[in-house]
């Protein structure tokens, strides 16, 4: 049997036109490729956040929307009195300023590309010892540490494959700013909540530094070019406004006068006389061979160009135009509701993936400390109804109940159902228990 040799043959498919250069080396589009633009330093990130209002809004808007409607505590068995446990959780969160601190941590993670929350739990043990949930004496605070204050190069990793946290950080070297100096403290992982930036794949071929591969990237890293383009566009417009009207003066024999001795002084004096006459007499006196023309810069189409820059910035950040710039959507039938719903879907997803683990760990610590049931965290709806919408909803509910009552009454009149069946269907045992409880006589108080 003859052996067939199989060769690897490269095939290059695509369109090419030798006359126009399409698909050949002369095609300009073929020269477009992705190149690294460089990583922003922490100083540059802080400058953008401090000086650029749009940059600060990009960082702050999502965490603020994730936190603004809050959450509630749902227990497995909704019994009477469990609202007291919710009050305990709320009180502890208020004492440690939990809502503010978590919001700040989310912002710092987006700004720096990561941070940690140091749990200020007093259990009688130093920071380099595991947190002992059975010896908690107080829950004092939450301290937010930016990524650049956690010394990545001296992190201690669990390298034993037989232990649970294999390949993960065991101890964090954290730099605290005390007075005028930094003090590095070794912190056990159980006292820390990690927050990461934009997570990126890690590979040996990656040129991204290991520190960024672990923590993640700043939000500014992906949108830096869009922010520069938008700032450049508005900066160019500002320069054009300064040159909105340009006067052109035709001077007879200007080149000969400028080349002669004292010619520059003559031209300057002539222009000053013209400006003075325009200010005093609102007219210009010229020689018959001279001419003065005033050109005005046209801004037709500038707003459309700026809108495109803003739209590209909005797309890069993931925020709709209505949220990022406060601009109403264009189009005759555009209301912006679709963009808002999509944005709220993103906020809900971020709540579940980023916010819920933070709140869950803090709630678990409070539960073990106070010896109370640990609830499930339920985020409140992002959409809040207006008073008019609430009133319309209540009216619809009332009309529904009224129609239901009329239907049941018709069944009772026709003998299809009895009042007892209706009561069981609508209220179950709850109404009977309330009636029984109301019918029971109150026992007199016996003084001891």
Foldseek 3Di string as FASTA:
>chain_A
DDDDDDDDDDDDDDDADPVVGPPHPVDPVVPDDDDAPDADDLVRLVCCCVPPPLSVCLLQVLLCLLPVQHWFFAAPDPDPPCVVVRVLLVVQCVQQVVSVVVSVQSSLCQRQFKKKKFFQWDQPDDQLDADDLQRTDDGHYIDIAHLVQWPPVPFDAACDPVDDRHPHTQWIFGWDCDDPGTDTDIGGPNRMDIDGYAADDDDPPDPDDPSCNVRHGHLCSQCVVLVVVLVVLVVVVVVCVVPQKDKDKFDPPLVVLVPDPCSVVVVVVQVVVQVVCCVPVVDGDDDPRMDMDMDGDDCPPSVVVSVVSLCVSCVSSVADCCSSPVDADDDDPGGCPVRVVVSQVVSVVCCVPPVQVVVQSVQVSSCSNVVHDRGHIGGDDSDDDDPVVVVVVVVVVVVVVVVVVVVVVVCVVVVNDPPVVVCCVPPNCVVVVVVVVVPDDDDDDDDD
